[in-house]
Amino acid sequence: MKVLTITLCILVGACTGQQRPTPGPTSPSTRYRVGDFVVYQYEGMYTEQPVVFREEIRAQEGNRLRIDIRVVRGEEERRWTQVVTDTPENQRNNVIDALYEWQSHRVVQLANESSRDLLRLYEWTIIIPDGRATDVQSAPCGRELGDTRFACTCTSGRNTWRGKTIRFEDSKCSEFLWTNGPGRFWEEATGLDVLSVQVLEFGHQLGLATRPMDPR
């Protein structure tokens, strides 16, 4: 839900995330339900070890969702919770209601001013380019996720990373519950992956117990 949105907004230089102090509308138009989950894997030159990112819905009140996230890189682990109100506008702007991080077996609510805490938590899954993307183009494409082929929109372009020209392609699949499909960012000169993103698993866990919206 948030993964490649944040990655792409950094690449094109258009991140506008913010934290909202109060919940929004409660009408249950969201497609997400408690038990929905997705697992992504990130690898490439930017990281010495693959990164596995799992997010799942653990509470729902109308359009308001609690999303628990666990990220593993080798023996390192990060866990946090995002409380969001699922609307198209909030997804586009990475707006969240509250952000909590597990720190030494306790849960701490983060201020997340100017999305700094959110970007820190996601730093294992993003690269920071040197400038703003150029030659950005979008076109229809198809992506195989599990046993299903989804109609998607692929966005591609160029940027620079550590002084080298890179190319990127990101996929958004409106029929896929989590929207964000595979992506790839690679050196133009060598073809070597700087960052590749794959969807490892997704689905729905039946009978998953609902947790409180506030994890503290």
N, C-alpha and C. Protein backbone atom coordinates (compact mmCIF):
# COMPACT_ATOMS: atom_id res chain seq x y z
N MET A 1 0.82 -1.20 0.00
CA MET A 1 0.00 0.00 0.00
C MET A 1 0.86 1.26 0.00
N LYS A 2 1.99 1.20 0.73
CA LYS A 2 2.86 2.36 0.82
C LYS A 2 4.21 2.16 0.17
N VAL A 3 4.53 0.93 -0.15
CA VAL A 3 5.91 0.61 -0.45
C VAL A 3 6.46 1.39 -1.63
N LEU A 4 5.98 1.09 -2.85
CA LEU A 4 6.55 1.72 -4.02
C LEU A 4 6.08 3.15 -4.18
N THR A 5 4.99 3.53 -3.52
CA THR A 5 4.58 4.93 -3.56
C THR A 5 5.69 5.80 -3.02
N ILE A 6 6.24 5.42 -1.88
CA ILE A 6 7.32 6.19 -1.28
C ILE A 6 8.57 6.11 -2.14
N THR A 7 8.91 4.92 -2.65
CA THR A 7 10.09 4.78 -3.50
C THR A 7 10.01 5.69 -4.71
N LEU A 8 8.87 5.67 -5.41
CA LEU A 8 8.75 6.45 -6.63
C LEU A 8 8.70 7.93 -6.34
N CYS A 9 8.05 8.36 -5.27
CA CYS A 9 7.96 9.79 -5.01
C CYS A 9 9.34 10.35 -4.71
N ILE A 10 10.24 9.54 -4.11
CA ILE A 10 11.61 10.00 -3.88
C ILE A 10 12.35 10.10 -5.21
N LEU A 11 12.16 9.12 -6.08
CA LEU A 11 12.86 9.15 -7.37
C LEU A 11 12.45 10.33 -8.22
N VAL A 12 11.17 10.71 -8.21
CA VAL A 12 10.73 11.82 -9.04
C VAL A 12 10.75 13.14 -8.28
N GLY A 13 11.10 13.08 -6.99
CA GLY A 13 11.22 14.30 -6.22
C GLY A 13 9.91 14.95 -5.88
N ALA A 14 8.89 14.13 -5.54
CA ALA A 14 7.57 14.70 -5.29
C ALA A 14 6.92 14.15 -4.03
N CYS A 15 7.70 13.87 -2.99
CA CYS A 15 7.13 13.38 -1.73
C CYS A 15 6.42 14.51 -1.00
N THR A 16 5.18 14.27 -0.59
CA THR A 16 4.43 15.29 0.14
C THR A 16 3.79 14.71 1.38
N GLY A 17 4.35 13.63 1.92
CA GLY A 17 3.74 12.95 3.06
C GLY A 17 3.59 13.86 4.27
N GLN A 18 2.56 13.58 5.08
CA GLN A 18 2.34 14.35 6.28
C GLN A 18 1.56 13.48 7.25
N GLN A 19 1.58 13.87 8.54
CA GLN A 19 0.81 13.15 9.54
C GLN A 19 -0.43 13.94 9.89
N ARG A 20 -1.54 13.27 9.96
CA ARG A 20 -2.81 13.95 10.24
C ARG A 20 -3.23 13.63 11.67
N PRO A 21 -3.64 14.62 12.47
CA PRO A 21 -3.91 14.37 13.88
C PRO A 21 -5.24 13.70 14.17
N THR A 22 -6.22 13.78 13.24
CA THR A 22 -7.54 13.21 13.53
C THR A 22 -7.98 12.31 12.40
N PRO A 23 -8.81 11.27 12.71
CA PRO A 23 -9.27 10.36 11.67
C PRO A 23 -10.22 11.04 10.71
N GLY A 24 -10.34 10.45 9.53
CA GLY A 24 -11.23 10.98 8.51
C GLY A 24 -12.55 10.25 8.49
N PRO A 25 -13.19 10.16 7.33
CA PRO A 25 -14.51 9.55 7.24
C PRO A 25 -14.48 8.08 7.60
N THR A 26 -15.62 7.60 8.12
CA THR A 26 -15.68 6.22 8.61
C THR A 26 -16.47 5.30 7.69
N SER A 27 -16.98 5.78 6.58
CA SER A 27 -17.72 4.90 5.68
C SER A 27 -16.78 3.85 5.11
N PRO A 28 -17.16 2.56 5.18
CA PRO A 28 -16.23 1.48 4.83
C PRO A 28 -16.11 1.23 3.33
N SER A 29 -15.59 2.22 2.58
CA SER A 29 -15.41 2.02 1.14
C SER A 29 -14.05 1.41 0.81
N THR A 30 -13.17 1.27 1.80
CA THR A 30 -11.86 0.67 1.56
C THR A 30 -12.00 -0.79 1.13
N ARG A 31 -11.07 -1.24 0.27
CA ARG A 31 -11.06 -2.64 -0.17
C ARG A 31 -10.36 -3.54 0.84
N TYR A 32 -9.65 -2.96 1.79
CA TYR A 32 -8.84 -3.76 2.72
C TYR A 32 -9.69 -4.27 3.87
N ARG A 33 -9.32 -5.48 4.35
CA ARG A 33 -9.98 -6.09 5.49
C ARG A 33 -8.92 -6.71 6.41
N VAL A 34 -9.29 -6.88 7.66
CA VAL A 34 -8.37 -7.51 8.62
C VAL A 34 -7.98 -8.90 8.10
N GLY A 35 -6.69 -9.16 8.05
CA GLY A 35 -6.18 -10.43 7.54
C GLY A 35 -5.51 -10.32 6.18
N ASP A 36 -5.74 -9.22 5.45
CA ASP A 36 -5.06 -9.01 4.17
C ASP A 36 -3.57 -8.76 4.42
N PHE A 37 -2.70 -9.34 3.59
CA PHE A 37 -1.27 -9.15 3.78
C PHE A 37 -0.55 -9.21 2.43
N VAL A 38 0.68 -8.68 2.42
CA VAL A 38 1.55 -8.75 1.26
C VAL A 38 2.99 -8.81 1.74
N VAL A 39 3.84 -9.50 0.96
CA VAL A 39 5.26 -9.60 1.27
C VAL A 39 6.05 -9.19 0.02
N TYR A 40 6.96 -8.21 0.17
CA TYR A 40 7.83 -7.76 -0.90
C TYR A 40 9.28 -8.11 -0.56
N GLN A 41 10.09 -8.29 -1.58
CA GLN A 41 11.53 -8.46 -1.38
C GLN A 41 12.29 -7.40 -2.18
N TYR A 42 13.31 -6.82 -1.53
CA TYR A 42 14.16 -5.80 -2.14
C TYR A 42 15.60 -6.30 -2.14
N GLU A 43 16.28 -6.12 -3.25
CA GLU A 43 17.69 -6.46 -3.32
C GLU A 43 18.36 -5.66 -4.42
N GLY A 44 19.69 -5.71 -4.46
CA GLY A 44 20.45 -4.95 -5.45
C GLY A 44 21.70 -4.38 -4.82
N MET A 45 22.42 -3.54 -5.57
CA MET A 45 23.69 -3.00 -5.10
C MET A 45 23.54 -2.11 -3.88
N TYR A 46 22.36 -1.56 -3.66
CA TYR A 46 22.19 -0.62 -2.56
C TYR A 46 22.22 -1.30 -1.20
N THR A 47 22.04 -2.62 -1.15
CA THR A 47 22.00 -3.33 0.12
C THR A 47 22.86 -4.59 0.06
N GLU A 48 23.59 -4.89 1.14
CA GLU A 48 24.44 -6.07 1.17
C GLU A 48 23.63 -7.35 1.30
N GLN A 49 22.43 -7.27 1.85
CA GLN A 49 21.57 -8.44 2.03
C GLN A 49 20.16 -8.12 1.57
N PRO A 50 19.44 -9.10 1.04
CA PRO A 50 18.05 -8.86 0.65
C PRO A 50 17.21 -8.38 1.83
N VAL A 51 16.23 -7.57 1.53
CA VAL A 51 15.32 -7.04 2.53
C VAL A 51 13.93 -7.62 2.27
N VAL A 52 13.30 -8.20 3.29
CA VAL A 52 11.95 -8.74 3.18
C VAL A 52 11.00 -7.85 3.98
N PHE A 53 9.98 -7.38 3.31
CA PHE A 53 9.03 -6.39 3.86
C PHE A 53 7.64 -7.01 3.88
N ARG A 54 7.04 -7.11 5.06
CA ARG A 54 5.70 -7.67 5.19
C ARG A 54 4.77 -6.65 5.84
N GLU A 55 3.60 -6.44 5.23
CA GLU A 55 2.60 -5.60 5.87
C GLU A 55 1.26 -6.32 5.87
N GLU A 56 0.50 -6.11 6.93
CA GLU A 56 -0.79 -6.76 7.05
C GLU A 56 -1.77 -5.85 7.78
N ILE A 57 -3.04 -6.02 7.46
CA ILE A 57 -4.09 -5.24 8.10
C ILE A 57 -4.51 -5.95 9.38
N ARG A 58 -4.42 -5.23 10.52
CA ARG A 58 -4.73 -5.85 11.81
C ARG A 58 -5.92 -5.22 12.51
N ALA A 59 -6.45 -4.11 12.01
CA ALA A 59 -7.67 -3.52 12.58
C ALA A 59 -8.31 -2.64 11.52
N GLN A 60 -9.64 -2.53 11.59
CA GLN A 60 -10.38 -1.70 10.64
C GLN A 60 -11.58 -1.08 11.33
N GLU A 61 -11.74 0.24 11.16
CA GLU A 61 -12.92 0.97 11.61
C GLU A 61 -13.36 1.84 10.45
N GLY A 62 -14.33 1.38 9.68
CA GLY A 62 -14.70 2.08 8.46
C GLY A 62 -13.52 2.08 7.50
N ASN A 63 -13.11 3.26 7.05
CA ASN A 63 -11.96 3.39 6.16
C ASN A 63 -10.65 3.48 6.92
N ARG A 64 -10.69 3.51 8.22
CA ARG A 64 -9.48 3.67 9.03
C ARG A 64 -8.86 2.30 9.28
N LEU A 65 -7.57 2.17 9.03
CA LEU A 65 -6.89 0.88 9.08
C LEU A 65 -5.66 0.95 9.97
N ARG A 66 -5.41 -0.13 10.67
CA ARG A 66 -4.12 -0.34 11.33
C ARG A 66 -3.32 -1.31 10.47
N ILE A 67 -2.14 -0.88 10.05
CA ILE A 67 -1.26 -1.68 9.21
C ILE A 67 0.01 -1.99 10.00
N ASP A 68 0.25 -3.26 10.30
CA ASP A 68 1.47 -3.69 10.99
C ASP A 68 2.52 -4.06 9.96
N ILE A 69 3.74 -3.57 10.16
CA ILE A 69 4.81 -3.77 9.19
C ILE A 69 6.04 -4.36 9.89
N ARG A 70 6.63 -5.37 9.26
CA ARG A 70 7.86 -6.00 9.77
C ARG A 70 8.84 -6.08 8.61
N VAL A 71 10.04 -5.56 8.82
CA VAL A 71 11.07 -5.54 7.78
C VAL A 71 12.31 -6.24 8.32
N VAL A 72 12.84 -7.18 7.55
CA VAL A 72 14.00 -7.97 7.98
C VAL A 72 15.11 -7.81 6.96
N ARG A 73 16.31 -7.50 7.44
CA ARG A 73 17.51 -7.44 6.61
C ARG A 73 18.60 -8.22 7.32
N GLY A 74 18.82 -9.47 6.86
CA GLY A 74 19.76 -10.34 7.56
C GLY A 74 19.28 -10.61 8.98
N GLU A 75 20.10 -10.25 9.98
CA GLU A 75 19.71 -10.44 11.38
C GLU A 75 19.06 -9.19 11.97
N GLU A 76 18.92 -8.14 11.17
CA GLU A 76 18.30 -6.91 11.65
C GLU A 76 16.80 -6.94 11.38
N GLU A 77 16.06 -6.27 12.25
CA GLU A 77 14.60 -6.24 12.10
C GLU A 77 14.07 -4.88 12.54
N ARG A 78 13.07 -4.40 11.82
CA ARG A 78 12.32 -3.21 12.22
C ARG A 78 10.84 -3.55 12.19
N ARG A 79 10.11 -3.01 13.19
CA ARG A 79 8.66 -3.21 13.23
C ARG A 79 7.99 -1.89 13.56
N TRP A 80 6.90 -1.60 12.86
CA TRP A 80 6.14 -0.41 13.18
C TRP A 80 4.70 -0.58 12.74
N THR A 81 3.86 0.35 13.17
CA THR A 81 2.43 0.36 12.82
C THR A 81 2.08 1.72 12.24
N GLN A 82 1.35 1.70 11.13
CA GLN A 82 0.79 2.91 10.54
C GLN A 82 -0.73 2.85 10.66
N VAL A 83 -1.32 3.90 11.19
CA VAL A 83 -2.78 4.03 11.20
C VAL A 83 -3.12 5.03 10.10
N VAL A 84 -3.92 4.59 9.13
CA VAL A 84 -4.23 5.43 7.97
C VAL A 84 -5.73 5.43 7.72
N THR A 85 -6.20 6.49 7.11
CA THR A 85 -7.57 6.53 6.59
C THR A 85 -7.47 6.36 5.08
N ASP A 86 -8.00 5.24 4.59
CA ASP A 86 -7.77 4.84 3.20
C ASP A 86 -8.69 5.60 2.26
N THR A 87 -8.17 6.69 1.69
CA THR A 87 -8.84 7.42 0.63
C THR A 87 -7.83 7.63 -0.49
N PRO A 88 -8.29 7.82 -1.74
CA PRO A 88 -7.34 8.05 -2.83
C PRO A 88 -6.42 9.24 -2.57
N GLU A 89 -6.96 10.32 -2.02
CA GLU A 89 -6.15 11.50 -1.76
C GLU A 89 -5.07 11.20 -0.73
N ASN A 90 -5.44 10.49 0.35
CA ASN A 90 -4.45 10.17 1.37
C ASN A 90 -3.37 9.23 0.85
N GLN A 91 -3.75 8.28 -0.01
CA GLN A 91 -2.74 7.40 -0.59
C GLN A 91 -1.78 8.17 -1.48
N ARG A 92 -2.31 9.07 -2.30
CA ARG A 92 -1.44 9.86 -3.19
C ARG A 92 -0.43 10.68 -2.41
N ASN A 93 -0.85 11.22 -1.27
CA ASN A 93 0.01 12.13 -0.51
C ASN A 93 0.69 11.48 0.69
N ASN A 94 0.57 10.14 0.82
CA ASN A 94 1.18 9.41 1.95
C ASN A 94 0.76 10.00 3.30
N VAL A 95 -0.51 10.36 3.43
CA VAL A 95 -1.03 10.91 4.68
C VAL A 95 -1.33 9.78 5.65
N ILE A 96 -0.86 9.92 6.88
CA ILE A 96 -1.15 8.92 7.90
C ILE A 96 -1.74 9.62 9.13
N ASP A 97 -2.54 8.86 9.90
CA ASP A 97 -3.13 9.39 11.12
C ASP A 97 -2.16 9.30 12.30
N ALA A 98 -1.42 8.20 12.38
CA ALA A 98 -0.49 8.00 13.50
C ALA A 98 0.55 6.97 13.10
N LEU A 99 1.73 7.09 13.69
CA LEU A 99 2.86 6.21 13.39
C LEU A 99 3.49 5.75 14.69
N TYR A 100 3.66 4.43 14.85
CA TYR A 100 4.21 3.84 16.07
C TYR A 100 5.36 2.92 15.71
N GLU A 101 6.41 2.90 16.54
CA GLU A 101 7.56 2.03 16.30
C GLU A 101 7.83 1.17 17.54
N TRP A 102 8.15 -0.12 17.28
CA TRP A 102 8.60 -1.00 18.35
C TRP A 102 10.06 -0.69 18.64
N GLN A 103 10.35 -0.26 19.86
CA GLN A 103 11.72 0.08 20.27
C GLN A 103 12.03 -0.66 21.57
N SER A 104 12.93 -1.68 21.46
CA SER A 104 13.34 -2.44 22.66
C SER A 104 12.13 -2.96 23.43
N HIS A 105 11.24 -3.64 22.73
CA HIS A 105 10.08 -4.31 23.31
C HIS A 105 9.03 -3.34 23.86
N ARG A 106 9.08 -2.08 23.47
CA ARG A 106 8.02 -1.14 23.83
C ARG A 106 7.61 -0.39 22.57
N VAL A 107 6.38 0.12 22.58
CA VAL A 107 5.84 0.82 21.42
C VAL A 107 5.86 2.32 21.69
N VAL A 108 6.43 3.07 20.75
CA VAL A 108 6.57 4.52 20.89
C VAL A 108 5.86 5.20 19.73
N GLN A 109 5.01 6.18 20.05
CA GLN A 109 4.39 6.95 18.97
C GLN A 109 5.38 8.01 18.49
N LEU A 110 5.52 8.12 17.16
CA LEU A 110 6.49 9.03 16.56
C LEU A 110 5.80 10.30 16.07
N ALA A 111 6.51 11.42 16.17
CA ALA A 111 5.93 12.70 15.72
C ALA A 111 5.79 12.75 14.21
N ASN A 112 6.75 12.19 13.50
CA ASN A 112 6.73 12.10 12.04
C ASN A 112 6.59 13.46 11.36
N GLU A 113 7.25 14.46 11.88
CA GLU A 113 7.20 15.79 11.27
C GLU A 113 7.85 15.75 9.89
N SER A 114 7.16 16.29 8.90
CA SER A 114 7.63 16.31 7.50
C SER A 114 7.98 14.91 6.99
N SER A 115 7.34 13.89 7.55
CA SER A 115 7.53 12.48 7.16
C SER A 115 8.94 11.95 7.44
N ARG A 116 9.69 12.63 8.30
CA ARG A 116 11.07 12.18 8.56
C ARG A 116 11.11 10.80 9.21
N ASP A 117 10.23 10.54 10.19
CA ASP A 117 10.23 9.22 10.84
C ASP A 117 9.80 8.13 9.86
N LEU A 118 8.82 8.43 9.03
CA LEU A 118 8.34 7.44 8.06
C LEU A 118 9.45 7.08 7.07
N LEU A 119 10.16 8.07 6.56
CA LEU A 119 11.24 7.81 5.61
C LEU A 119 12.39 7.06 6.28
N ARG A 120 12.65 7.34 7.54
CA ARG A 120 13.70 6.59 8.26
C ARG A 120 13.32 5.11 8.36
N LEU A 121 12.07 4.83 8.70
CA LEU A 121 11.65 3.44 8.83
C LEU A 121 11.72 2.70 7.50
N TYR A 122 11.46 3.40 6.40
CA TYR A 122 11.46 2.79 5.07
C TYR A 122 12.84 2.78 4.41
N GLU A 123 13.89 3.28 5.08
CA GLU A 123 15.16 3.51 4.40
C GLU A 123 15.80 2.25 3.85
N TRP A 124 15.48 1.07 4.39
CA TRP A 124 16.04 -0.18 3.84
C TRP A 124 15.42 -0.53 2.49
N THR A 125 14.33 0.11 2.13
CA THR A 125 13.61 -0.26 0.91
C THR A 125 13.62 0.85 -0.14
N ILE A 126 14.41 1.89 0.05
CA ILE A 126 14.44 3.00 -0.89
C ILE A 126 15.88 3.39 -1.21
N ILE A 127 16.06 4.04 -2.34
CA ILE A 127 17.33 4.67 -2.65
C ILE A 127 17.06 6.17 -2.80
N ILE A 128 18.06 6.97 -2.45
CA ILE A 128 17.92 8.42 -2.56
C ILE A 128 18.73 8.88 -3.76
N PRO A 129 18.10 9.30 -4.84
CA PRO A 129 18.83 9.72 -6.05
C PRO A 129 19.50 11.07 -5.83
N ASP A 130 20.38 11.40 -6.74
CA ASP A 130 21.11 12.67 -6.65
C ASP A 130 20.23 13.86 -7.05
N GLY A 131 19.28 13.65 -7.92
CA GLY A 131 18.49 14.77 -8.42
C GLY A 131 17.06 14.38 -8.69
N ARG A 132 16.45 15.10 -9.60
CA ARG A 132 15.05 14.85 -9.96
C ARG A 132 14.99 14.02 -11.24
N ALA A 133 14.01 13.14 -11.33
CA ALA A 133 13.91 12.25 -12.48
C ALA A 133 13.64 13.01 -13.77
N THR A 134 14.12 12.47 -14.88
CA THR A 134 13.87 13.03 -16.20
C THR A 134 13.32 11.93 -17.11
N ASP A 135 12.83 12.34 -18.28
CA ASP A 135 12.31 11.40 -19.28
C ASP A 135 11.24 10.47 -18.68
N VAL A 136 10.44 10.97 -17.77
CA VAL A 136 9.42 10.15 -17.11
C VAL A 136 8.26 9.89 -18.07
N GLN A 137 7.94 8.60 -18.25
CA GLN A 137 6.85 8.20 -19.14
C GLN A 137 6.03 7.10 -18.48
N SER A 138 4.75 7.05 -18.81
CA SER A 138 3.86 6.00 -18.29
C SER A 138 3.15 5.33 -19.45
N ALA A 139 2.93 4.01 -19.32
CA ALA A 139 2.26 3.25 -20.38
C ALA A 139 1.62 2.01 -19.76
N PRO A 140 0.55 1.47 -20.40
CA PRO A 140 -0.05 0.23 -19.91
C PRO A 140 0.95 -0.93 -19.99
N CYS A 141 0.87 -1.85 -19.04
CA CYS A 141 1.73 -3.03 -19.03
C CYS A 141 1.01 -4.14 -18.28
N GLY A 142 1.51 -5.36 -18.36
CA GLY A 142 0.95 -6.49 -17.63
C GLY A 142 1.99 -7.07 -16.70
N ARG A 143 1.55 -7.54 -15.53
CA ARG A 143 2.46 -8.13 -14.57
C ARG A 143 1.85 -9.41 -13.99
N GLU A 144 2.69 -10.45 -13.90
CA GLU A 144 2.28 -11.72 -13.29
C GLU A 144 2.56 -11.67 -11.79
N LEU A 145 1.51 -11.75 -10.98
CA LEU A 145 1.65 -11.79 -9.53
C LEU A 145 0.96 -13.05 -9.04
N GLY A 146 1.75 -13.99 -8.50
CA GLY A 146 1.19 -15.29 -8.16
C GLY A 146 0.69 -15.98 -9.41
N ASP A 147 -0.54 -16.45 -9.39
CA ASP A 147 -1.13 -17.14 -10.53
C ASP A 147 -1.98 -16.21 -11.39
N THR A 148 -1.92 -14.91 -11.13
CA THR A 148 -2.81 -13.97 -11.82
C THR A 148 -2.01 -12.93 -12.59
N ARG A 149 -2.47 -12.62 -13.79
CA ARG A 149 -1.88 -11.54 -14.57
C ARG A 149 -2.73 -10.29 -14.39
N PHE A 150 -2.08 -9.20 -13.98
CA PHE A 150 -2.79 -7.96 -13.71
C PHE A 150 -2.47 -6.92 -14.79
N ALA A 151 -3.48 -6.16 -15.17
CA ALA A 151 -3.26 -5.00 -16.04
C ALA A 151 -2.74 -3.86 -15.18
N CYS A 152 -1.60 -3.29 -15.55
CA CYS A 152 -0.94 -2.29 -14.72
C CYS A 152 -0.56 -1.08 -15.56
N THR A 153 -0.05 -0.07 -14.90
CA THR A 153 0.57 1.08 -15.54
C THR A 153 2.02 1.13 -15.10
N CYS A 154 2.94 1.14 -16.06
CA CYS A 154 4.36 1.19 -15.74
C CYS A 154 4.89 2.60 -15.99
N THR A 155 5.63 3.11 -15.01
CA THR A 155 6.25 4.43 -15.12
C THR A 155 7.75 4.24 -15.16
N SER A 156 8.39 4.83 -16.15
CA SER A 156 9.84 4.68 -16.31
C SER A 156 10.49 6.05 -16.44
N GLY A 157 11.81 6.07 -16.29
CA GLY A 157 12.53 7.32 -16.43
C GLY A 157 14.00 7.16 -16.08
N ARG A 158 14.69 8.28 -15.99
CA ARG A 158 16.12 8.30 -15.66
C ARG A 158 16.34 9.18 -14.43
N ASN A 159 17.45 8.89 -13.74
CA ASN A 159 17.90 9.73 -12.65
C ASN A 159 19.38 9.47 -12.48
N THR A 160 20.00 9.97 -11.43
CA THR A 160 21.38 9.64 -11.11
C THR A 160 21.45 9.20 -9.66
N TRP A 161 22.36 8.28 -9.40
CA TRP A 161 22.55 7.75 -8.05
C TRP A 161 24.05 7.55 -7.84
N ARG A 162 24.58 8.24 -6.83
CA ARG A 162 26.01 8.20 -6.56
C ARG A 162 26.83 8.56 -7.80
N GLY A 163 26.31 9.54 -8.53
CA GLY A 163 27.02 10.05 -9.70
C GLY A 163 26.85 9.25 -10.97
N LYS A 164 26.12 8.15 -10.93
CA LYS A 164 25.92 7.31 -12.11
C LYS A 164 24.48 7.41 -12.60
N THR A 165 24.31 7.38 -13.92
CA THR A 165 22.96 7.43 -14.49
C THR A 165 22.24 6.11 -14.23
N ILE A 166 21.03 6.21 -13.72
CA ILE A 166 20.22 5.02 -13.51
C ILE A 166 18.90 5.16 -14.25
N ARG A 167 18.31 4.03 -14.56
CA ARG A 167 16.97 3.98 -15.13
C ARG A 167 16.06 3.27 -14.12
N PHE A 168 14.77 3.56 -14.20
CA PHE A 168 13.85 2.90 -13.29
C PHE A 168 12.54 2.59 -14.00
N GLU A 169 11.86 1.55 -13.51
CA GLU A 169 10.50 1.23 -13.95
C GLU A 169 9.71 0.75 -12.75
N ASP A 170 8.59 1.37 -12.54
CA ASP A 170 7.72 1.09 -11.41
C ASP A 170 6.35 0.70 -11.94
N SER A 171 5.68 -0.27 -11.32
CA SER A 171 4.36 -0.69 -11.81
C SER A 171 3.29 -0.47 -10.75
N LYS A 172 2.17 0.07 -11.21
CA LYS A 172 0.98 0.25 -10.38
C LYS A 172 -0.14 -0.55 -11.02
N CYS A 173 -0.79 -1.40 -10.22
CA CYS A 173 -1.80 -2.32 -10.74
C CYS A 173 -3.11 -2.08 -9.98
N SER A 174 -4.06 -1.42 -10.60
CA SER A 174 -5.27 -1.00 -9.89
C SER A 174 -6.11 -2.17 -9.42
N GLU A 175 -6.04 -3.31 -10.11
CA GLU A 175 -6.84 -4.47 -9.71
C GLU A 175 -6.16 -5.29 -8.61
N PHE A 176 -4.87 -5.06 -8.39
CA PHE A 176 -4.13 -5.72 -7.32
C PHE A 176 -4.42 -4.97 -6.02
N LEU A 177 -4.83 -5.70 -4.97
CA LEU A 177 -5.25 -5.05 -3.72
C LEU A 177 -4.22 -4.06 -3.20
N TRP A 178 -2.94 -4.41 -3.31
CA TRP A 178 -1.88 -3.58 -2.74
C TRP A 178 -1.34 -2.56 -3.74
N THR A 179 -1.88 -2.57 -4.94
CA THR A 179 -1.58 -1.58 -5.99
C THR A 179 -0.16 -1.68 -6.53
N ASN A 180 0.84 -1.75 -5.66
CA ASN A 180 2.23 -1.65 -6.07
C ASN A 180 2.78 -2.99 -6.52
N GLY A 181 3.15 -3.07 -7.79
CA GLY A 181 3.72 -4.29 -8.34
C GLY A 181 5.23 -4.25 -8.33
N PRO A 182 5.87 -5.12 -9.12
CA PRO A 182 7.34 -5.15 -9.16
C PRO A 182 7.91 -3.84 -9.70
N GLY A 183 9.16 -3.59 -9.32
CA GLY A 183 9.87 -2.42 -9.82
C GLY A 183 11.35 -2.72 -9.94
N ARG A 184 12.04 -1.91 -10.73
CA ARG A 184 13.47 -2.14 -10.93
C ARG A 184 14.17 -0.81 -11.19
N PHE A 185 15.35 -0.66 -10.59
CA PHE A 185 16.18 0.52 -10.76
C PHE A 185 17.59 0.03 -11.06
N TRP A 186 18.16 0.41 -12.20
CA TRP A 186 19.41 -0.20 -12.62
C TRP A 186 20.35 0.83 -13.25
N GLU A 187 21.66 0.51 -13.24
CA GLU A 187 22.64 1.37 -13.87
C GLU A 187 22.48 1.32 -15.38
N GLU A 188 22.41 2.47 -16.00
CA GLU A 188 22.23 2.50 -17.45
C GLU A 188 23.44 1.91 -18.18
N ALA A 189 24.64 2.17 -17.68
CA ALA A 189 25.86 1.74 -18.38
C ALA A 189 26.09 0.24 -18.29
N THR A 190 25.81 -0.36 -17.12
CA THR A 190 26.16 -1.77 -16.90
C THR A 190 24.96 -2.70 -16.89
N GLY A 191 23.75 -2.16 -16.66
CA GLY A 191 22.56 -3.01 -16.54
C GLY A 191 22.42 -3.67 -15.19
N LEU A 192 23.36 -3.40 -14.26
CA LEU A 192 23.31 -4.02 -12.94
C LEU A 192 22.21 -3.38 -12.10
N ASP A 193 21.50 -4.23 -11.34
CA ASP A 193 20.41 -3.73 -10.50
C ASP A 193 20.95 -2.91 -9.33
N VAL A 194 20.44 -1.70 -9.20
CA VAL A 194 20.66 -0.91 -8.00
C VAL A 194 19.64 -1.33 -6.94
N LEU A 195 18.39 -1.48 -7.37
CA LEU A 195 17.31 -1.92 -6.49
C LEU A 195 16.26 -2.64 -7.32
N SER A 196 15.92 -3.85 -6.93
CA SER A 196 14.81 -4.55 -7.58
C SER A 196 13.79 -4.92 -6.51
N VAL A 197 12.53 -4.86 -6.90
CA VAL A 197 11.42 -5.10 -5.98
C VAL A 197 10.54 -6.19 -6.57
N GLN A 198 10.27 -7.23 -5.77
CA GLN A 198 9.41 -8.32 -6.21
C GLN A 198 8.31 -8.56 -5.18
N VAL A 199 7.15 -8.99 -5.66
CA VAL A 199 6.06 -9.40 -4.77
C VAL A 199 6.24 -10.89 -4.51
N LEU A 200 6.58 -11.26 -3.27
CA LEU A 200 6.80 -12.67 -2.93
C LEU A 200 5.50 -13.41 -2.63
N GLU A 201 4.58 -12.74 -1.96
CA GLU A 201 3.38 -13.43 -1.48
C GLU A 201 2.31 -12.40 -1.14
N PHE A 202 1.06 -12.76 -1.31
CA PHE A 202 -0.04 -11.91 -0.87
C PHE A 202 -1.27 -12.78 -0.69
N GLY A 203 -2.22 -12.31 0.11
CA GLY A 203 -3.42 -13.09 0.33
C GLY A 203 -4.20 -12.57 1.52
N HIS A 204 -4.96 -13.50 2.12
CA HIS A 204 -5.82 -13.15 3.26
C HIS A 204 -5.75 -14.27 4.28
N GLN A 205 -5.46 -13.91 5.53
CA GLN A 205 -5.42 -14.89 6.61
C GLN A 205 -6.79 -14.95 7.29
N LEU A 206 -7.44 -16.08 7.20
CA LEU A 206 -8.75 -16.25 7.82
C LEU A 206 -8.60 -16.36 9.33
N GLY A 207 -9.57 -15.80 10.04
CA GLY A 207 -9.60 -15.95 11.50
C GLY A 207 -8.55 -15.17 12.23
N LEU A 208 -7.93 -14.18 11.60
CA LEU A 208 -6.90 -13.40 12.29
C LEU A 208 -7.56 -12.46 13.29
N ALA A 209 -7.08 -12.48 14.55
CA ALA A 209 -7.67 -11.66 15.59
C ALA A 209 -7.42 -10.18 15.33
N THR A 210 -8.44 -9.37 15.52
CA THR A 210 -8.31 -7.93 15.36
C THR A 210 -7.58 -7.34 16.56
N ARG A 211 -6.64 -6.46 16.31
CA ARG A 211 -5.90 -5.79 17.36
C ARG A 211 -6.48 -4.39 17.59
N PRO A 212 -6.15 -3.76 18.74
CA PRO A 212 -6.59 -2.38 18.94
C PRO A 212 -5.98 -1.46 17.89
N MET A 213 -6.68 -0.37 17.55
CA MET A 213 -6.15 0.56 16.55
C MET A 213 -4.87 1.20 17.06
N ASP A 214 -4.82 1.55 18.35
CA ASP A 214 -3.62 2.11 18.97
C ASP A 214 -2.83 0.96 19.59
N PRO A 215 -1.61 0.68 19.11
CA PRO A 215 -0.87 -0.51 19.58
C PRO A 215 -0.24 -0.35 20.97
N ARG A 216 -0.30 0.81 21.57
CA ARG A 216 0.36 0.98 22.86
C ARG A 216 -0.42 0.35 23.98
